Amino acid sequence: MENNSTVEAIYITKNNIIQNTTSVGRYNVSISFYDSDSFSKPVLQSPYYVDLNQTLFAQVSLHSSDPNLL
């Protein structure tokens, strides 16, 4: 991924399920998706489709010198 890029995670459903998520800001994060809870084999294909109620394993790391960000 290029520096200073914008990434969007979207979901596609066949039902009328509505979920609102709002976030604003600029953050330096690393995001990886995995096939299992062992976090040993990252998902490399894109797009990566999962079924409704399927468990999705994600590892997200925030890189910041601000101790107030968690």
Protein backbone atom coordinates (compact mmCIF):
# COMPACT_ATOMS: atom_id res chain seq x y z
CA MET A 1 0.00 0.00 0.00
CA GLU A 2 1.30 3.44 -0.82
CA ASN A 3 2.04 6.01 1.86
CA ASN A 4 -0.73 8.49 2.64
CA SER A 5 -3.36 6.30 1.01
CA THR A 6 -6.96 5.79 2.03
CA VAL A 7 -8.26 2.29 2.64
CA GLU A 8 -11.89 1.33 2.94
CA ALA A 9 -13.31 -1.91 4.28
CA ILE A 10 -16.79 -2.53 2.92
CA TYR A 11 -19.32 -5.27 3.26
CA ILE A 12 -21.83 -6.64 0.81
CA THR A 13 -25.00 -8.31 2.09
CA LYS A 14 -27.99 -9.90 0.46
CA ASN A 15 -30.26 -8.95 3.38
CA ASN A 16 -31.35 -5.53 4.56
CA ILE A 17 -28.92 -5.42 7.47
CA ILE A 18 -27.95 -1.86 8.38
CA GLN A 19 -24.90 -1.09 10.46
CA ASN A 20 -23.47 2.39 10.88
CA THR A 21 -19.78 2.95 11.52
CA THR A 22 -18.28 6.42 11.75
CA SER A 23 -14.66 7.36 12.18
CA VAL A 24 -12.67 10.42 11.27
CA GLY A 25 -8.95 11.01 11.53
CA ARG A 26 -5.55 10.26 10.14
CA TYR A 27 -3.81 7.26 11.62
CA ASN A 28 -0.77 5.14 10.82
CA VAL A 29 -2.01 1.55 11.07
CA SER A 30 -1.13 -1.88 9.75
CA ILE A 31 -4.01 -4.23 8.90
CA SER A 32 -3.73 -7.89 7.95
CA PHE A 33 -6.45 -10.52 7.45
CA TYR A 34 -5.88 -14.19 8.25
CA ASP A 35 -7.56 -17.52 7.44
CA SER A 36 -7.54 -18.79 11.05
CA ASP A 37 -7.03 -17.80 14.66
CA SER A 38 -3.43 -19.04 14.50
CA PHE A 39 -2.58 -15.87 12.54
CA SER A 40 0.05 -17.81 10.61
CA LYS A 41 -1.27 -17.57 7.04
CA PRO A 42 -2.25 -14.07 5.84
CA VAL A 43 -4.97 -13.60 3.24
CA LEU A 44 -3.41 -12.24 0.07
CA GLN A 45 -6.30 -12.31 -2.43
CA SER A 46 -8.37 -9.20 -3.08
CA PRO A 47 -11.28 -8.86 -2.84
CA TYR A 48 -11.61 -11.28 0.06
CA TYR A 49 -15.22 -12.43 0.49
CA VAL A 50 -16.61 -13.90 3.70
CA ASP A 51 -20.09 -15.20 4.43
CA LEU A 52 -22.47 -13.52 6.86
CA ASN A 53 -21.63 -14.68 10.41
CA GLN A 54 -18.34 -16.16 9.22
CA THR A 55 -15.51 -15.40 11.62
CA LEU A 56 -12.99 -12.96 10.19
CA PHE A 57 -9.51 -12.84 11.71
CA ALA A 58 -7.81 -9.45 11.52
CA GLN A 59 -4.67 -8.09 13.07
CA VAL A 60 -4.54 -4.29 13.38
CA SER A 61 -1.59 -2.38 14.81
CA LEU A 62 -1.61 1.33 15.57
CA HIS A 63 1.71 3.11 15.12
CA SER A 64 1.68 6.34 17.12
CA SER A 65 3.74 8.19 19.69
CA ASP A 66 0.51 9.48 21.30
CA PRO A 67 -0.05 7.43 24.50
CA ASN A 68 -3.77 8.41 24.50
CA LEU A 69 -4.49 6.41 21.35
CA LEU A 70 -5.37 2.76 21.90
